[in-house]
Protein backbone atom coordinates (compact mmCIF):
# COMPACT_ATOMS: atom_id res chain seq x y z
CA MET A 1 16.69 -49.10 33.19
CA LYS A 2 20.33 -49.29 34.14
CA VAL A 3 22.97 -46.96 35.52
CA LEU A 4 26.66 -47.60 34.97
CA MET A 5 28.82 -46.29 37.81
CA ILE A 6 32.57 -45.79 37.39
CA ASN A 7 34.82 -45.67 40.46
CA GLY A 8 37.94 -43.74 39.56
CA SER A 9 39.60 -44.23 42.93
CA PRO A 10 42.60 -46.54 43.35
CA HIS A 11 41.00 -47.64 46.63
CA LYS A 12 38.41 -50.34 45.98
CA GLU A 13 36.15 -49.43 48.89
CA GLY A 14 37.30 -45.92 49.73
CA ASN A 15 35.29 -42.72 50.07
CA THR A 16 34.44 -42.46 46.36
CA TYR A 17 33.03 -45.97 46.54
CA ALA A 18 31.02 -45.05 49.66
CA ALA A 19 29.37 -42.21 47.71
CA LEU A 20 28.57 -44.44 44.74
CA LYS A 21 27.26 -47.20 47.00
CA GLU A 22 24.89 -44.76 48.68
CA MET A 23 23.49 -43.89 45.27
CA ALA A 24 23.24 -47.56 44.31
CA LYS A 25 20.99 -48.18 47.33
CA ILE A 26 18.53 -45.57 46.07
CA PHE A 27 18.63 -46.90 42.52
CA ALA A 28 17.72 -50.33 43.89
CA GLU A 29 14.79 -48.82 45.82
CA GLU A 30 13.68 -47.12 42.60
CA GLY A 31 13.81 -50.40 40.69
CA ILE A 32 16.77 -49.31 38.62
CA GLU A 33 19.69 -51.66 38.07
CA SER A 34 23.17 -50.31 38.74
CA GLU A 35 26.70 -51.62 38.43
CA ILE A 36 29.84 -50.19 40.03
CA ILE A 37 33.07 -50.78 38.13
CA GLN A 38 36.43 -49.77 39.54
CA VAL A 39 39.00 -48.42 37.10
CA GLY A 40 41.14 -46.23 39.35
CA ASN A 41 43.55 -49.05 40.20
CA LYS A 42 44.10 -50.23 36.62
CA PRO A 43 47.03 -49.41 34.29
CA ILE A 44 45.16 -47.16 31.85
CA ARG A 45 47.23 -45.03 29.52
CA GLY A 46 46.01 -41.77 28.05
CA CYS A 47 44.68 -41.07 24.57
CA ILE A 48 47.39 -40.40 21.97
CA GLY A 49 45.07 -38.90 19.35
CA CYS A 50 45.88 -41.54 16.74
CA ARG A 51 42.22 -41.67 15.63
CA ALA A 52 42.48 -45.38 14.91
CA CYS A 53 39.20 -45.79 16.78
CA ALA A 54 37.40 -44.10 13.87
CA GLU A 55 38.36 -47.04 11.67
CA LYS A 56 38.42 -49.87 14.20
CA GLY A 57 35.31 -48.85 16.13
CA ARG A 58 37.26 -49.32 19.37
CA CYS A 59 40.35 -47.92 21.06
CA VAL A 60 43.67 -49.19 19.72
CA PHE A 61 44.75 -49.89 23.31
CA ASP A 62 42.75 -53.00 24.17
CA ASP A 63 42.07 -52.74 27.89
CA CYS A 64 39.09 -52.09 30.18
CA VAL A 65 38.05 -49.08 28.08
CA ASN A 66 36.98 -51.42 25.28
CA GLU A 67 35.44 -53.84 27.79
CA ILE A 68 33.30 -51.14 29.38
CA ALA A 69 32.30 -49.34 26.14
CA PRO A 70 29.38 -51.73 25.39
CA LYS A 71 28.06 -51.24 28.92
CA PHE A 72 28.22 -47.48 28.36
CA GLU A 73 26.26 -47.80 25.13
CA ALA A 74 23.59 -49.95 26.78
CA CYS A 75 23.07 -47.88 29.93
CA ASP A 76 20.51 -45.15 30.50
CA GLY A 77 22.69 -43.21 32.90
CA LEU A 78 26.37 -42.86 33.74
CA VAL A 79 27.82 -41.85 37.11
CA ILE A 80 31.52 -41.08 37.26
CA GLY A 81 33.23 -40.77 40.63
CA SER A 82 36.74 -39.68 41.52
CA PRO A 83 38.84 -38.63 44.48
CA VAL A 84 40.39 -35.18 44.31
CA TYR A 85 44.14 -34.98 43.66
CA TYR A 86 45.62 -31.46 43.42
CA ALA A 87 42.17 -29.95 42.74
CA SER A 88 41.68 -32.38 39.87
CA ALA A 89 40.38 -35.88 39.24
CA ASN A 90 42.60 -38.93 39.52
CA GLY A 91 44.82 -39.07 36.41
CA THR A 92 43.87 -42.67 35.71
CA MET A 93 40.20 -41.70 35.68
CA ILE A 94 40.81 -38.85 33.25
CA SER A 95 42.76 -41.15 30.91
CA PHE A 96 39.88 -43.63 31.08
CA LEU A 97 37.23 -41.01 30.35
CA ASP A 98 39.21 -39.37 27.54
CA ARG A 99 39.51 -42.66 25.72
CA LEU A 100 36.02 -43.95 26.55
CA PHE A 101 34.26 -40.88 25.20
CA PHE A 102 36.59 -40.33 22.24
CA SER A 103 36.68 -43.91 21.00
CA THR A 104 32.92 -44.60 21.19
CA SER A 105 31.00 -43.34 18.18
CA PHE A 106 27.47 -44.22 19.32
CA ASP A 107 24.99 -41.41 19.97
CA LYS A 108 25.12 -40.42 23.64
CA THR A 109 22.30 -37.88 23.34
CA MET A 110 19.98 -37.92 26.35
CA LYS A 111 21.90 -40.47 28.38
CA VAL A 112 21.89 -38.94 31.85
CA GLY A 113 25.26 -38.16 33.42
CA ALA A 114 26.30 -37.34 36.96
CA SER A 115 29.70 -36.79 38.55
CA VAL A 116 30.64 -37.41 42.17
CA VAL A 117 33.83 -36.27 43.88
CA ALA A 118 35.46 -37.05 47.23
CA ALA A 119 38.14 -35.13 49.10
CA ARG A 120 39.55 -34.48 52.52
CA ARG A 121 38.84 -30.77 52.24
CA GLY A 122 39.33 -28.69 49.07
CA GLY A 123 39.33 -28.92 45.28
CA LEU A 124 35.90 -30.47 45.08
CA SER A 125 34.10 -27.93 42.91
CA ALA A 126 37.01 -27.69 40.44
CA THR A 127 37.03 -31.46 40.01
CA PHE A 128 33.23 -31.54 39.78
CA ASP A 129 33.36 -29.02 36.92
CA GLU A 130 36.12 -30.98 35.18
CA MET A 131 34.13 -34.21 35.26
CA ASN A 132 30.88 -32.70 33.99
CA LYS A 133 32.54 -31.54 30.76
CA TYR A 134 32.49 -35.10 29.44
CA PHE A 135 28.70 -35.02 29.51
CA THR A 136 28.07 -31.56 28.13
CA ILE A 137 30.18 -32.06 24.99
CA CYS A 138 27.98 -34.90 23.74
CA GLY A 139 24.37 -34.03 24.52
CA MET A 140 24.09 -35.80 27.87
CA PRO A 141 21.83 -34.03 30.41
CA VAL A 142 23.59 -33.56 33.74
CA ALA A 143 21.74 -34.69 36.86
CA SER A 144 22.04 -32.46 39.90
CA GLY A 145 21.34 -32.91 43.58
CA GLN A 146 20.94 -30.52 46.49
CA TYR A 147 24.52 -29.23 46.38
CA TRP A 148 27.62 -29.88 44.29
CA ASN A 149 27.87 -33.67 44.33
CA SER A 150 30.65 -34.20 46.84
CA VAL A 151 31.59 -35.97 50.03
CA HIS A 152 34.33 -35.30 52.56
CA GLY A 153 36.65 -37.80 54.16
CA ARG A 154 40.34 -38.58 54.34
CA GLU A 155 40.68 -42.07 55.76
CA ILE A 156 38.86 -44.95 54.08
CA GLY A 157 35.23 -44.99 55.19
CA GLU A 158 35.16 -41.51 56.72
CA ALA A 159 32.80 -40.22 54.03
CA VAL A 160 29.91 -42.17 55.54
CA GLN A 161 30.17 -39.80 58.53
CA ASP A 162 29.49 -36.84 56.21
CA ALA A 163 25.73 -36.71 56.79
CA GLU A 164 25.11 -33.87 54.35
CA GLY A 165 27.29 -35.46 51.68
CA MET A 166 25.55 -38.83 51.98
CA GLN A 167 22.15 -37.13 51.84
CA GLY A 168 23.35 -35.37 48.71
CA MET A 169 24.15 -38.71 47.10
CA ARG A 170 20.66 -40.01 47.87
CA THR A 171 19.05 -36.85 46.49
CA LEU A 172 21.20 -37.07 43.38
CA ALA A 173 20.19 -40.69 42.78
CA ARG A 174 16.49 -39.89 43.15
CA ASN A 175 16.77 -36.90 40.82
CA MET A 176 18.70 -38.98 38.32
CA ALA A 177 16.09 -41.75 38.42
CA PHE A 178 13.32 -39.20 37.79
CA LEU A 179 15.24 -37.59 34.92
CA MET A 180 15.96 -40.93 33.23
CA ARG A 181 12.30 -41.91 33.43
CA ALA A 182 11.16 -38.52 32.14
CA ILE A 183 13.55 -38.76 29.20
CA LYS A 184 12.37 -42.30 28.44
CA LEU A 185 8.77 -41.10 28.29
CA GLY A 186 9.74 -38.10 26.20
CA LYS A 187 11.64 -40.25 23.71
CA GLU A 188 8.65 -42.57 23.37
CA GLN A 189 6.26 -39.69 22.69
CA TYR A 190 8.42 -37.16 20.87
CA GLY A 191 11.64 -38.91 19.86
CA LEU A 192 15.11 -37.43 20.22
CA PRO A 193 15.78 -33.77 19.35
CA LYS A 194 16.48 -33.07 15.68
CA LYS A 195 20.17 -32.81 14.86
CA GLU A 196 21.67 -30.54 12.24
CA PRO A 197 24.76 -31.58 10.27
CA PHE A 198 27.73 -30.70 12.47
CA GLU A 199 29.44 -27.45 11.52
CA ARG A 200 33.12 -28.01 12.30
CA THR A 201 35.30 -24.91 12.17
CA ASP A 202 39.02 -24.85 12.84
CA PHE A 203 40.45 -21.51 13.89
CA ILE A 204 43.38 -21.70 11.47
CA ARG A 205 41.12 -22.09 8.40
């Protein structure tokens, strides 16, 4: 099994990375492969709603979104991490996620998702809620820990001093590992849930 971890911070080894790294340690102990990819320092533009991806099978803007899409399809779980800017995720991360989720047509049902946020003080729960919406729109179960998945720290590396936050990351990783395994067993015995044809309604029609 494999977990793909996305670091949305512009700082390569900042507090968001510290949280993801703590989770990666647990995944390794659980025999689960993980990979941390940093996107927060890359020039990623937002989605323009051109819908060219429906024809091309990939985003029209050929950058790391298209490079990471196959890894997303192959993984069993996805962890997305971001620092908090103005009670919201890093704009680069949001542009990345908008395009990654919109441009990939593969079935994401039952891939396990988890979001992790880092801040000096406030805006954590708002950002946490914002990030989880990417999972819940496409049938991805959301892994939870012992609290909202967050760590505190301002200067680079301070998050490792947040004992409760770091424990939360370890708990989250263990819960996520259990959930991925349980889903794997369930898929083998019962298959994926039945899907009805999608009923799309527009409010102006």
